[in-house]
Amino acid sequence: GKNEYDLLVIGGGSGGLACAKEAAQFGRKVAVLDYVEPSPQGTAWGLGGTCVNVGCIPKKLMHQAALLGSALKDAQHYGWNISQPVHHTWSVMAQAVQNYVKSLNWGHRVQLQDKKVKYFNVKGSFSDPHTVRGLTKAGKETVITADNIVIATGGRPKYPTDIAGALEYGITSDDLFWLKESPGKTLPSFILYVSLECAGFLTGIGLDTTVMMRSIPLRGFDQASHISNKKQICFTTQQQMASLVTEHMESYGTKFLKRCFPTKVEKLKSNRVQVTWKNADLNTEETDSFDTVMWAVGRAPDTKTLNLETIGVKTNSETGKIIVDASEATSVPHIYAVGDITEGRPELTPPAIAAGKLLAQRLFGQSSELMDYDNVPTTVFTPLEYGCVGLSEEAAMQRHGSDNIEVYHAYYKPLEFTVAERDAAQCYMKMVCLREREQRILGLHFIGPNAGEVIQGFALGIKCGATYPQMMKTVGIHPTCAEEVTKLHITKRSGLDATVTGC
């Protein structure tokens, strides 16, 4: 018989909702199936996926809360009389953020209803390639059939499996954003970007925060350091982009336990959590107690209940992510996947939304346009933000060869830091270019205030093939931090040989 729906989307996150709503625009019969499994600590939320509920949205709002704290300190230098000490109330911030998130949950439901997309709040698993069996929280079964199925279930935070007590006494970012009361003295453990972002805003609102980092910070982002020319040392060896972020955080008040890894977590009678860790440099065992321990060891694709192996959808055996081709198609005809659950795609909301829309247009709108995953901009919302677009320096060297790469880089001082006498030692930018012919820009990296806004503007130019000479001819807006990008002629480096053109 005929299937009930033209399109069924499993997963109500950014990519899945975008795909469903776009398909409905073509007059197709569409359904969305979404279910949030509570975290091990019991945290659950509504429709909208990771970004809305436990990612970008609450993170940026709490980051803003921390920036306001810094602004209060600066304000005194600008003549504002602010009584000290300034106190932050977690419960007020949390309630405001959570209320806004809930309004987004409701908004998504209304949008689906307006577009006549059927919403099922059920946990789904495949019975066959065209049939999904859904179970409600109460155990009631719903069977849904569809001509085309899109998997967009995203990922959930992982817990370390080799640390005693990690699951019982630790939380993840899924829980942090929904806490009603302050997490107090907090240990974000392991050095993924979410760990740094959370540590940054926790420090910014006045909490005692320590980050435990086993290896390098921000793995996957730009790590290349610049080796200075022995004859010209006006610009000495420069710190890695990722290291600059953590250096600023240390000066900002966040503590770091470097080259340390936890071995045991225990609950004390005082209700605090005691963490035991190994210091790899000193070869010692150390302990301390915290109010909250937050794990940031990455996210695992949320596929456990989907029954993918039964219907033949291939996944990467190491990552568990679904293997897709350029058209987001899986190994099974008419079954597709978008977003964080797919292998080799950036774990970012905007690409998932764009991919979802384009997929719906190809399925129902006679389009052939594919998602272009090159030059996708992103920003890490640490106290001093790190934004980037395009290739890191090491990726550019790997792709084109070190002799074919030219790198322009410089420190700068934001004007707003001057009167407030803020340290700008980590405000830095780097432009990675091809050396040959017109010197096409391969990547831009920027550490400083409002990095996301700065990178978003330059991302268009880089997407359109901007070159270094074109960037130097661009008239900057004075006096902005972004203007400094248009003046990156102070230093340059070719391959691994530094050349100083101005000191």
Protein backbone atom coordinates (compact mmCIF):
# COMPACT_ATOMS: atom_id res chain seq x y z
CA GLY A 1 0.00 0.00 0.00
CA LYS A 2 0.87 3.66 -0.17
CA ASN A 3 3.05 5.14 2.53
CA GLU A 4 1.38 7.63 4.84
CA TYR A 5 3.92 10.46 4.46
CA ASP A 6 6.06 11.82 1.64
CA LEU A 7 8.77 12.66 4.18
CA LEU A 8 9.44 11.59 7.75
CA VAL A 9 12.18 13.40 9.69
CA ILE A 10 13.56 11.63 12.77
CA GLY A 11 14.98 14.32 15.04
CA GLY A 12 13.58 17.74 15.85
CA GLY A 13 16.81 19.69 15.90
CA SER A 14 17.95 22.51 13.62
CA GLY A 15 18.69 20.39 10.53
CA GLY A 16 15.65 18.15 10.85
CA LEU A 17 13.18 20.99 11.42
CA ALA A 18 14.62 22.98 8.51
CA CYS A 19 14.26 20.00 6.20
CA ALA A 20 10.69 19.27 7.33
CA LYS A 21 9.48 22.85 7.00
CA GLU A 22 11.09 23.28 3.59
CA ALA A 23 9.49 20.06 2.32
CA ALA A 24 6.10 21.26 3.55
CA GLN A 25 6.51 24.40 1.42
CA PHE A 26 6.20 22.14 -1.62
CA GLY A 27 2.83 20.87 -0.46
CA ARG A 28 4.16 17.50 0.68
CA LYS A 29 2.82 15.50 3.58
CA VAL A 30 5.53 15.70 6.24
CA ALA A 31 5.99 14.39 9.77
CA VAL A 32 8.63 15.07 12.42
CA LEU A 33 9.41 12.57 15.12
CA ASP A 34 11.32 13.86 18.16
CA TYR A 35 12.05 12.48 21.61
CA VAL A 36 14.50 13.65 24.26
CA GLU A 37 15.97 10.91 26.39
CA PRO A 38 16.72 12.44 29.81
CA SER A 39 20.40 12.75 30.70
CA PRO A 40 21.82 10.40 33.35
CA GLN A 41 21.13 13.24 35.80
CA GLY A 42 17.50 13.46 34.67
CA THR A 43 17.66 16.63 32.55
CA ALA A 44 15.25 16.82 29.62
CA TRP A 45 13.90 19.58 27.36
CA GLY A 46 11.54 20.36 24.50
CA LEU A 47 11.53 20.50 20.71
CA GLY A 48 14.46 22.22 18.98
CA GLY A 49 17.51 20.00 19.40
CA THR A 50 20.93 20.65 20.88
CA CYS A 51 21.43 24.22 19.63
CA VAL A 52 18.21 25.59 21.08
CA ASN A 53 18.16 23.69 24.35
CA VAL A 54 21.68 22.79 25.46
CA GLY A 55 24.00 24.44 22.96
CA CYS A 56 24.38 27.69 21.06
CA ILE A 57 21.44 29.59 22.53
CA PRO A 58 21.88 29.12 26.31
CA LYS A 59 25.67 29.19 25.90
CA LYS A 60 25.69 32.56 24.10
CA LEU A 61 23.26 34.05 26.63
CA MET A 62 25.40 32.94 29.57
CA HIS A 63 28.49 34.16 27.72
CA GLN A 64 26.72 37.53 27.45
CA ALA A 65 26.09 37.48 31.20
CA ALA A 66 29.83 37.10 31.76
CA LEU A 67 30.68 39.88 29.28
CA LEU A 68 28.35 42.19 31.20
CA GLY A 69 30.33 41.39 34.34
CA SER A 70 33.52 42.47 32.59
CA ALA A 71 31.79 45.58 31.29
CA LEU A 72 30.85 46.55 34.86
CA LYS A 73 34.54 46.53 35.75
CA ASP A 74 35.43 48.59 32.70
CA ALA A 75 32.59 51.03 33.36
CA GLN A 76 34.33 52.53 36.38
CA HIS A 77 37.20 53.67 34.13
CA TYR A 78 34.65 55.44 31.95
CA GLY A 79 33.12 57.39 34.83
CA TRP A 80 30.30 55.12 35.95
CA ASN A 81 29.88 54.90 39.72
CA ILE A 82 29.18 51.26 40.51
CA SER A 83 29.04 50.12 44.11
CA GLN A 84 31.28 47.20 44.97
CA PRO A 85 31.25 44.28 45.33
CA VAL A 86 29.09 43.38 42.37
CA HIS A 87 27.19 40.12 42.90
CA HIS A 88 25.73 37.75 40.33
CA THR A 89 22.65 35.60 41.06
CA TRP A 90 22.69 32.36 39.07
CA SER A 91 19.01 31.56 39.61
CA VAL A 92 17.88 34.85 38.03
CA MET A 93 20.07 34.32 34.95
CA ALA A 94 19.15 30.63 34.65
CA GLN A 95 15.42 31.31 34.90
CA ALA A 96 15.59 34.00 32.21
CA VAL A 97 17.64 31.82 29.86
CA GLN A 98 15.46 28.75 30.44
CA ASN A 99 12.27 30.75 29.89
CA TYR A 100 13.61 32.01 26.57
CA VAL A 101 14.55 28.47 25.51
CA LYS A 102 11.06 27.26 26.39
CA SER A 103 9.60 30.04 24.24
CA LEU A 104 11.68 28.72 21.34
CA ASN A 105 10.40 25.19 22.02
CA TRP A 106 6.85 26.48 21.76
CA GLY A 107 7.69 28.54 18.67
CA HIS A 108 8.96 25.46 16.84
CA ARG A 109 5.76 23.57 17.62
CA VAL A 110 3.65 26.47 16.35
CA GLN A 111 5.70 26.69 13.14
CA LEU A 112 5.23 22.98 12.44
CA GLN A 113 1.51 23.33 13.03
CA ASP A 114 1.28 26.39 10.76
CA LYS A 115 3.04 24.50 7.97
CA LYS A 116 0.84 21.44 8.54
CA VAL A 117 3.77 19.26 9.59
CA LYS A 118 2.67 16.46 11.93
CA TYR A 119 4.70 16.33 15.16
CA PHE A 120 5.15 13.07 17.07
CA ASN A 121 6.76 13.18 20.51
CA VAL A 122 7.89 9.55 20.33
CA LYS A 123 11.14 7.57 20.34
CA GLY A 124 11.59 5.96 16.94
CA SER A 125 13.24 2.84 15.55
CA PHE A 126 13.17 1.36 12.07
CA SER A 127 11.03 -1.72 11.44
CA ASP A 128 11.91 -1.73 7.74
CA PRO A 129 13.35 0.84 5.31
CA HIS A 130 10.00 2.63 4.98
CA THR A 131 8.54 2.05 8.45
CA VAL A 132 9.37 3.59 11.81
CA ARG A 133 7.89 2.34 15.07
CA GLY A 134 7.49 5.08 17.68
CA LEU A 135 6.97 4.71 21.41
CA THR A 136 5.67 7.44 23.68
CA LYS A 137 7.00 7.98 27.18
CA ALA A 138 4.01 5.97 28.44
CA GLY A 139 4.80 3.09 26.08
CA LYS A 140 2.05 3.71 23.52
CA GLU A 141 3.06 2.61 20.02
CA THR A 142 2.69 4.57 16.78
CA VAL A 143 3.67 3.14 13.38
CA ILE A 144 4.65 5.65 10.68
CA THR A 145 5.43 4.91 7.03
CA ALA A 146 7.08 7.30 4.58
CA ASP A 147 8.45 7.37 1.06
CA ASN A 148 11.56 9.28 2.21
CA ILE A 149 13.12 9.34 5.67
CA VAL A 150 15.70 11.80 7.00
CA ILE A 151 17.72 10.96 10.12
CA ALA A 152 18.70 14.08 12.06
CA THR A 153 19.02 12.92 15.65
CA GLY A 154 22.32 14.68 16.36
CA GLY A 155 24.51 13.64 19.28
CA ARG A 156 24.59 13.49 23.05
CA PRO A 157 27.53 14.13 25.40
CA LYS A 158 29.73 11.17 26.26
CA TYR A 159 30.87 10.22 29.74
CA PRO A 160 34.40 8.91 30.37
CA THR A 161 34.07 5.15 30.83
CA ASP A 162 37.44 4.59 32.51
CA ILE A 163 36.91 6.89 35.53
CA ALA A 164 35.21 5.45 38.60
CA GLY A 165 32.25 7.58 39.67
CA ALA A 166 32.21 9.71 36.49
CA LEU A 167 28.64 8.82 35.53
CA GLU A 168 27.22 8.87 39.05
CA TYR A 169 28.69 12.16 40.24
CA GLY A 170 29.42 14.21 37.11
CA ILE A 171 27.25 16.26 34.78
CA THR A 172 27.63 17.43 31.17
CA SER A 173 26.73 20.65 29.38
CA ASP A 174 23.27 19.11 28.84
CA ASP A 175 22.72 19.53 32.57
CA LEU A 176 24.66 22.74 33.24
CA PHE A 177 22.33 24.97 31.23
CA TRP A 178 19.28 23.67 33.11
CA LEU A 179 20.59 23.96 36.68
CA LYS A 180 18.25 25.95 38.91
CA GLU A 181 21.00 26.81 41.42
CA SER A 182 24.61 27.86 40.98
CA PRO A 183 27.07 25.04 40.20
CA GLY A 184 29.51 26.65 42.67
CA LYS A 185 33.15 25.63 42.51
CA THR A 186 33.28 23.81 39.17
CA LEU A 187 35.72 21.52 37.38
CA PRO A 188 35.10 21.31 33.63
CA SER A 189 37.25 18.33 32.69
CA PHE A 190 38.90 17.73 29.31
CA ILE A 191 39.63 20.53 26.90
CA LEU A 192 37.04 20.55 24.14
CA TYR A 193 35.69 23.94 23.10
CA VAL A 194 32.48 23.52 25.13
CA SER A 195 34.63 23.04 28.24
CA LEU A 196 36.42 26.34 27.61
CA GLU A 197 33.22 28.19 26.78
CA CYS A 198 31.51 26.99 29.96
CA ALA A 199 34.61 27.67 32.06
CA GLY A 200 34.78 31.16 30.57
CA PHE A 201 31.28 32.23 31.51
CA LEU A 202 31.44 30.47 34.90
CA THR A 203 34.58 32.46 35.73
CA GLY A 204 33.00 35.60 34.31
CA ILE A 205 30.03 35.45 36.70
CA GLY A 206 32.39 35.01 39.64
CA LEU A 207 32.57 31.25 40.21
CA ASP A 208 35.74 29.38 41.18
CA THR A 209 36.47 27.44 37.99
CA THR A 210 39.29 25.03 37.15
CA VAL A 211 39.75 23.34 33.78
CA MET A 212 41.54 20.00 33.67
CA MET A 213 43.28 19.52 30.33
CA ARG A 214 44.96 16.30 29.35
CA SER A 215 46.51 17.54 26.10
CA ILE A 216 46.32 20.50 23.72
CA PRO A 217 43.39 22.93 23.87
CA LEU A 218 40.83 23.24 21.06
CA ARG A 219 41.98 20.19 19.15
CA GLY A 220 40.98 20.55 15.50
CA PHE A 221 41.34 24.33 15.42
CA ASP A 222 44.48 26.17 14.29
CA GLN A 223 47.52 24.98 16.25
CA ALA A 224 50.46 26.14 14.12
CA SER A 225 52.99 28.35 15.84
CA HIS A 226 55.26 30.73 13.99
CA ILE A 227 59.00 30.06 14.10
CA SER A 228 60.92 33.32 13.97
CA ASN A 229 63.85 33.92 11.68
CA LYS A 230 67.09 33.65 13.67
CA LYS A 231 68.47 36.79 12.03
CA GLN A 232 65.38 38.91 12.56
CA ILE A 233 63.82 38.40 15.96
CA CYS A 234 61.64 41.52 16.02
CA PHE A 235 58.69 39.12 16.07
CA THR A 236 59.66 36.14 18.21
CA THR A 237 57.99 32.75 18.23
CA GLN A 238 54.27 33.37 18.41
CA GLN A 239 51.83 31.36 20.45
CA GLN A 240 49.37 29.03 18.86
CA MET A 241 45.90 30.38 18.27
CA ALA A 242 44.37 27.92 20.67
CA SER A 243 46.96 28.61 23.35
CA LEU A 244 46.22 32.32 23.20
CA VAL A 245 42.63 31.57 24.13
CA THR A 246 43.65 29.64 27.24
CA GLU A 247 46.33 32.21 28.14
CA HIS A 248 43.71 34.94 28.22
CA MET A 249 41.41 32.74 30.28
CA GLU A 250 44.17 32.25 32.85
CA SER A 251 44.68 36.00 33.12
CA TYR A 252 40.90 36.33 33.33
CA GLY A 253 40.83 34.09 36.40
CA THR A 254 40.21 30.55 35.15
CA LYS A 255 42.60 28.01 36.65
CA PHE A 256 44.08 25.19 34.56
CA LEU A 257 45.39 21.79 35.56
CA LYS A 258 47.61 21.05 32.58
CA ARG A 259 48.72 17.58 31.55
CA CYS A 260 46.41 16.11 34.19
CA PHE A 261 43.71 13.47 33.86
CA PRO A 262 41.14 12.31 36.43
CA THR A 263 41.21 8.75 37.73
CA LYS A 264 38.43 8.69 40.34
CA VAL A 265 35.39 10.69 41.44
CA GLU A 266 33.80 10.24 44.87
CA LYS A 267 30.88 11.83 46.73
CA LEU A 268 31.79 13.29 50.13
CA LYS A 269 29.52 13.49 53.18
CA SER A 270 29.41 17.25 52.66
CA ASN A 271 27.72 16.52 49.31
CA ARG A 272 30.74 17.86 47.45
CA VAL A 273 32.58 15.80 44.85
CA GLN A 274 36.18 14.77 45.39
CA VAL A 275 38.28 14.27 42.27
CA THR A 276 41.54 12.34 42.17
CA TRP A 277 43.83 12.92 39.21
CA LYS A 278 47.24 12.06 37.85
CA ASN A 279 49.71 14.82 37.01
CA ALA A 280 51.62 13.47 34.00
CA ASP A 281 54.47 16.00 34.26
CA LEU A 282 55.16 15.49 37.97
CA ASN A 283 54.06 11.84 38.02
CA THR A 284 52.04 12.55 41.14
CA GLU A 285 48.51 11.85 42.32
CA GLU A 286 46.50 14.84 43.53
CA THR A 287 42.99 15.49 44.87
CA ASP A 288 40.59 18.38 45.41
CA SER A 289 36.89 18.77 46.07
CA PHE A 290 34.34 20.62 43.93
CA ASP A 291 30.66 21.42 44.00
CA THR A 292 30.26 20.36 40.37
CA VAL A 293 32.28 18.24 37.95
CA MET A 294 31.38 18.69 34.28
CA TRP A 295 32.60 16.26 31.63
CA ALA A 296 33.40 17.53 28.13
CA VAL A 297 34.74 14.49 26.29
CA GLY A 298 32.84 14.93 23.05
CA ARG A 299 29.46 13.87 21.72
CA ALA A 300 28.32 10.48 20.47
CA PRO A 301 25.80 10.11 17.62
CA ASP A 302 22.32 9.41 18.97
CA THR A 303 21.61 6.21 17.04
CA LYS A 304 21.21 3.58 19.78
CA THR A 305 17.49 3.01 19.36
CA LEU A 306 17.22 3.58 15.60
CA ASN A 307 17.92 -0.04 14.63
CA LEU A 308 20.07 1.09 11.69
CA GLU A 309 21.93 -2.20 11.28
CA THR A 310 18.68 -4.05 10.59
CA ILE A 311 17.80 -1.90 7.58
CA GLY A 312 21.39 -1.68 6.28
CA VAL A 313 22.30 1.96 6.94
CA LYS A 314 26.09 2.01 7.09
CA THR A 315 27.92 3.81 9.87
CA ASN A 316 31.57 4.50 10.65
CA SER A 317 32.58 1.74 13.05
CA GLU A 318 34.91 4.09 14.97
CA THR A 319 32.71 7.17 15.35
CA GLY A 320 29.26 5.60 15.04
CA LYS A 321 28.24 8.36 12.63
CA ILE A 322 26.17 7.70 9.53
CA ILE A 323 28.07 7.60 6.24
CA VAL A 324 26.51 9.84 3.59
CA ASP A 325 27.45 11.00 0.11
CA ALA A 326 27.49 14.55 -1.23
CA SER A 327 23.68 14.51 -1.51
CA GLU A 328 23.25 13.46 2.16
CA ALA A 329 22.11 9.99 0.99
CA THR A 330 22.90 6.96 3.16
CA SER A 331 23.62 3.45 1.91
CA VAL A 332 19.86 2.78 1.73
CA PRO A 333 17.87 4.43 -1.10
CA HIS A 334 15.36 7.05 0.11
CA ILE A 335 17.01 7.26 3.57
CA TYR A 336 19.08 10.40 4.19
CA ALA A 337 20.91 12.01 7.11
CA VAL A 338 21.88 15.59 7.95
CA GLY A 339 23.64 17.41 10.76
CA ASP A 340 25.89 16.23 13.57
CA ILE A 341 24.99 12.58 13.07
CA THR A 342 26.69 12.44 9.67
CA GLU A 343 30.32 11.47 9.14
CA GLY A 344 32.71 14.21 8.06
CA ARG A 345 30.34 17.14 8.49
CA PRO A 346 30.96 20.14 10.77
CA GLU A 347 29.03 19.85 14.04
CA LEU A 348 27.45 23.27 13.62
CA THR A 349 23.86 24.48 13.39
CA PRO A 350 23.97 26.67 10.23
CA PRO A 351 25.39 23.94 7.94
CA ALA A 352 22.79 21.48 9.25
CA ILE A 353 19.99 23.97 8.50
CA ALA A 354 21.33 24.69 5.02
CA ALA A 355 21.85 20.99 4.27
CA GLY A 356 18.33 20.16 5.44
CA LYS A 357 16.75 22.84 3.26
CA LEU A 358 18.78 21.87 0.19
CA LEU A 359 17.90 18.20 0.68
CA ALA A 360 14.17 19.01 0.73
CA GLN A 361 14.58 21.13 -2.40
CA ARG A 362 16.32 18.27 -4.21
CA LEU A 363 13.68 15.75 -3.12
CA PHE A 364 10.60 17.82 -3.90
CA GLY A 365 11.60 21.00 -5.71
CA GLN A 366 13.51 19.77 -8.78
CA SER A 367 16.76 21.26 -7.50
CA SER A 368 20.19 19.71 -7.91
CA GLU A 369 22.12 22.06 -5.63
CA LEU A 370 24.37 20.33 -3.07
CA MET A 371 25.53 21.69 0.26
CA ASP A 372 29.02 23.23 0.10
CA TYR A 373 30.84 22.50 3.35
CA ASP A 374 33.98 24.50 2.47
CA ASN A 375 34.68 27.79 4.23
CA VAL A 376 32.05 27.43 6.93
CA PRO A 377 32.77 30.10 9.59
CA THR A 378 32.56 29.39 13.30
CA THR A 379 33.42 30.98 16.64
CA VAL A 380 34.38 29.72 20.07
CA PHE A 381 32.63 31.95 22.63
CA THR A 382 35.37 32.08 25.23
CA PRO A 383 35.86 35.36 27.20
CA LEU A 384 38.10 36.53 24.37
CA GLU A 385 36.35 35.02 21.36
CA TYR A 386 38.10 32.97 18.68
CA GLY A 387 36.52 33.08 15.23
CA CYS A 388 37.76 31.39 12.09
CA VAL A 389 36.79 30.56 8.53
CA GLY A 390 38.56 28.32 6.03
CA LEU A 391 41.70 26.31 6.59
CA SER A 392 43.99 26.30 9.58
CA GLU A 393 47.65 26.89 8.79
CA GLU A 394 48.60 23.24 9.19
CA ALA A 395 45.67 22.10 7.03
CA ALA A 396 46.69 24.56 4.32
CA MET A 397 50.27 23.27 4.40
CA GLN A 398 49.05 19.71 4.25
CA ARG A 399 46.84 20.42 1.25
CA HIS A 400 49.12 22.75 -0.73
CA GLY A 401 52.61 22.18 0.69
CA SER A 402 54.43 24.45 3.12
CA ASP A 403 56.40 26.19 0.35
CA ASN A 404 53.17 27.30 -1.29
CA ILE A 405 51.68 29.00 1.77
CA GLU A 406 52.07 32.61 2.88
CA VAL A 407 50.90 33.59 6.36
CA TYR A 408 50.22 37.14 7.52
CA HIS A 409 49.74 37.69 11.22
CA ALA A 410 49.77 40.43 13.84
CA TYR A 411 48.79 41.40 17.34
CA TYR A 412 46.53 44.41 17.83
CA LYS A 413 44.88 46.35 20.65
CA PRO A 414 41.14 47.04 20.60
CA LEU A 415 40.39 50.71 21.27
CA GLU A 416 37.87 49.77 23.96
CA PHE A 417 40.67 48.09 25.94
CA THR A 418 42.71 51.30 26.27
CA VAL A 419 40.79 53.46 28.75
CA ALA A 420 39.86 50.40 30.81
CA GLU A 421 43.56 49.42 30.81
CA ARG A 422 42.73 45.86 29.80
CA ASP A 423 45.52 43.52 28.71
CA ALA A 424 45.43 42.91 24.95
CA ALA A 425 48.38 40.51 24.82
CA GLN A 426 46.25 37.75 23.28
CA CYS A 427 44.37 39.84 20.69
CA TYR A 428 45.75 38.36 17.51
CA MET A 429 44.86 37.54 13.91
CA LYS A 430 46.27 35.37 11.18
CA MET A 431 45.53 35.15 7.47
CA VAL A 432 46.58 32.02 5.57
CA CYS A 433 47.08 32.55 1.83
CA LEU A 434 48.30 30.72 -1.24
CA ARG A 435 51.67 32.17 -2.21
CA GLU A 436 51.23 31.85 -5.96
CA ARG A 437 49.65 34.38 -8.32
CA GLU A 438 46.85 36.40 -6.70
CA GLN A 439 47.40 35.00 -3.18
CA ARG A 440 43.92 33.62 -2.60
CA ILE A 441 42.93 33.62 1.09
CA LEU A 442 42.58 30.07 2.41
CA GLY A 443 41.78 30.84 6.03
CA LEU A 444 41.29 33.68 8.48
CA HIS A 445 41.68 33.36 12.26
CA PHE A 446 40.78 36.12 14.69
CA ILE A 447 41.01 36.35 18.46
CA GLY A 448 39.32 39.35 20.02
CA PRO A 449 36.06 41.01 21.02
CA ASN A 450 33.04 40.16 18.86
CA ALA A 451 35.03 37.63 16.84
CA GLY A 452 31.85 36.03 15.57
CA GLU A 453 30.61 39.29 14.06
CA VAL A 454 34.03 40.02 12.54
CA ILE A 455 34.45 36.58 10.95
CA GLN A 456 30.87 36.52 9.64
CA GLY A 457 31.62 39.63 7.58
CA PHE A 458 34.86 38.37 6.10
CA ALA A 459 33.42 34.88 5.48
CA LEU A 460 31.48 36.18 2.48
CA GLY A 461 34.62 37.51 0.83
CA ILE A 462 36.57 34.33 1.46
CA LYS A 463 33.66 32.23 0.17
CA CYS A 464 33.77 34.33 -3.01
CA GLY A 465 37.51 33.74 -3.48
CA ALA A 466 38.94 36.92 -1.96
CA THR A 467 42.67 37.49 -2.32
CA TYR A 468 45.24 39.13 -0.10
CA PRO A 469 45.68 42.18 -2.43
CA GLN A 470 41.90 42.66 -2.48
CA MET A 471 41.83 42.56 1.30
CA MET A 472 44.56 45.20 1.48
CA LYS A 473 42.54 47.43 -0.88
CA THR A 474 39.46 47.09 1.31
CA VAL A 475 38.83 50.28 3.29
CA GLY A 476 38.39 49.48 6.96
CA ILE A 477 35.83 50.98 9.32
CA HIS A 478 37.75 53.07 11.82
CA PRO A 479 38.26 52.46 14.69
CA THR A 480 37.15 48.81 14.80
CA CYS A 481 38.91 45.54 15.50
CA ALA A 482 37.77 44.24 12.10
CA GLU A 483 39.67 47.10 10.46
CA GLU A 484 42.92 45.50 11.59
CA VAL A 485 42.31 42.55 9.25
CA THR A 486 42.56 44.94 6.28
CA LYS A 487 46.01 46.06 7.43
CA LEU A 488 47.73 42.68 7.81
CA HIS A 489 50.92 43.68 6.02
CA ILE A 490 53.04 44.15 9.13
CA THR A 491 54.52 40.66 9.20
CA LYS A 492 54.47 37.75 6.87
CA ARG A 493 55.89 34.28 6.85
CA SER A 494 56.53 31.90 3.99
CA GLY A 495 56.47 28.23 4.81
CA LEU A 496 58.48 27.86 7.98
CA ASP A 497 60.82 30.80 7.29
CA ALA A 498 59.77 34.04 8.92
CA THR A 499 60.14 37.25 6.97
CA VAL A 500 59.62 40.51 8.81
CA THR A 501 58.45 43.33 6.57
CA GLY A 502 57.80 45.88 9.28
CA CYS A 503 58.71 46.20 12.95
